[in-house]
């Protein structure tokens, strides 16, 4: 990664500000994506990276775009009870959200 300051990390992806643009760089691969003018665009090494690396970069870019619009990604399951109340069950992958909602 360049001399730009890392603003945050999510998994293996580091984000750094470069003027108006945000560079997303995968720590284990030489691959980047950019959040530029409201869009996520492919950067250096993206096309040659593994599917998992491209997924990490694209997912992080989508999360950034949601946050820029005042929205958030929630890993969750939902259920509605007999009285019409909705329940959001948030948690880590594999912790049983879908099983509990079922």
Protein backbone atom coordinates (compact mmCIF):
# COMPACT_ATOMS: atom_id res chain seq x y z
CA UNK A 1 0.00 0.00 0.00
CA UNK A 2 1.21 3.52 -0.65
CA UNK A 3 2.22 6.06 1.96
CA UNK A 4 -1.44 7.05 2.36
CA UNK A 5 -2.79 6.59 5.87
CA UNK A 6 -4.92 3.50 6.43
CA UNK A 7 -8.27 4.78 7.66
CA UNK A 8 -9.76 1.40 8.57
CA UNK A 9 -9.58 -2.32 7.96
CA UNK A 10 -12.29 -4.87 7.30
CA UNK A 11 -11.02 -8.44 7.22
CA UNK A 12 -8.12 -8.51 4.77
CA UNK A 13 -9.04 -5.19 3.13
CA UNK A 14 -7.42 -1.89 4.12
CA UNK A 15 -8.95 1.42 3.11
CA UNK A 16 -6.98 4.63 2.62
CA UNK A 17 -8.13 8.06 1.51
CA UNK A 18 -6.55 9.57 -1.60
CA UNK A 19 -8.13 12.97 -2.14
CA UNK A 20 -11.82 12.39 -2.87
CA UNK A 21 -11.20 8.71 -3.67
CA UNK A 22 -10.98 5.76 -1.30
CA UNK A 23 -8.49 3.00 -2.16
CA UNK A 24 -9.37 -0.53 -1.03
CA UNK A 25 -6.31 -2.79 -0.99
CA UNK A 26 -6.32 -6.50 -0.16
CA UNK A 27 -3.58 -7.29 2.38
CA UNK A 28 -2.82 -10.81 1.07
CA UNK A 29 -2.96 -10.04 -2.65
CA UNK A 30 -1.67 -7.33 -4.93
CA UNK A 31 -5.20 -6.21 -5.78
CA UNK A 32 -7.13 -2.99 -5.37
CA UNK A 33 -10.54 -1.49 -5.93
CA UNK A 34 -11.47 2.18 -5.66
CA UNK A 35 -14.56 4.01 -4.47
CA UNK A 36 -14.55 6.91 -6.91
CA UNK A 37 -17.35 9.37 -7.71
CA UNK A 38 -19.97 7.19 -6.07
CA UNK A 39 -18.92 3.99 -7.84
CA UNK A 40 -16.74 0.99 -7.03
CA UNK A 41 -14.15 0.56 -9.80
CA UNK A 42 -11.51 -2.10 -10.40
CA UNK A 43 -7.96 -1.18 -9.53
CA UNK A 44 -4.50 -2.63 -10.06
CA UNK A 45 -4.42 -6.43 -9.91
CA UNK A 46 -8.19 -6.83 -9.50
CA UNK A 47 -8.81 -8.77 -12.72
CA UNK A 48 -6.00 -11.26 -12.03
CA UNK A 49 -6.91 -11.81 -8.38
CA UNK A 50 -8.66 -14.91 -7.07
CA UNK A 51 -12.44 -14.95 -6.83
CA UNK A 52 -12.23 -14.72 -3.02
CA UNK A 53 -10.05 -11.58 -3.19
CA UNK A 54 -12.34 -9.93 -5.76
CA UNK A 55 -15.31 -10.81 -3.54
CA UNK A 56 -13.64 -9.22 -0.47
CA UNK A 57 -12.89 -6.02 -2.39
CA UNK A 58 -16.32 -5.77 -4.03
CA UNK A 59 -18.14 -6.49 -0.77
CA UNK A 60 -16.10 -3.88 1.10
CA UNK A 61 -16.77 -1.38 -1.69
CA UNK A 62 -20.50 -2.06 -1.42
CA UNK A 63 -20.38 -1.55 2.36
CA UNK A 64 -18.59 1.79 1.85
CA UNK A 65 -21.24 2.88 -0.67
CA UNK A 66 -24.04 1.95 1.74
CA UNK A 67 -22.41 3.94 4.54
CA UNK A 68 -21.96 6.96 2.27
CA UNK A 69 -25.73 6.90 1.77
CA UNK A 70 -26.52 6.55 5.47
CA UNK A 71 -27.28 2.82 5.22
CA UNK A 72 -25.63 -0.24 6.74
CA UNK A 73 -25.04 -3.89 5.91
CA UNK A 74 -26.57 -6.21 8.51
CA UNK A 75 -25.79 -9.95 8.52
CA UNK A 76 -29.10 -11.18 9.88
CA UNK A 77 -32.24 -13.27 9.61
CA UNK A 78 -35.74 -11.99 10.26
CA UNK A 79 -39.00 -13.38 11.57
CA UNK A 80 -42.52 -12.06 12.20
CA UNK A 81 -44.56 -13.38 15.13
CA UNK A 82 -48.34 -13.97 15.36
CA UNK A 83 -48.93 -10.42 16.61
CA UNK A 84 -47.18 -8.97 13.55
CA UNK A 85 -44.02 -7.94 15.40
CA UNK A 86 -40.83 -8.24 13.38
CA UNK A 87 -37.61 -9.58 14.86
CA UNK A 88 -34.14 -9.04 13.43
CA UNK A 89 -31.62 -11.68 14.50
CA UNK A 90 -28.12 -10.37 13.83
CA UNK A 91 -24.90 -12.28 14.37
CA UNK A 92 -21.80 -13.84 12.95
CA UNK A 93 -21.95 -16.36 10.14
CA UNK A 94 -22.80 -19.84 11.41
CA UNK A 95 -24.15 -18.77 14.81
CA UNK A 96 -27.68 -20.12 14.17
CA UNK A 97 -29.70 -17.10 13.00
CA UNK A 98 -31.53 -18.98 10.23
CA UNK A 99 -32.13 -22.01 12.45
CA UNK A 100 -33.64 -19.81 15.15
CA UNK A 101 -35.79 -17.90 12.63
CA UNK A 102 -37.09 -21.18 11.17
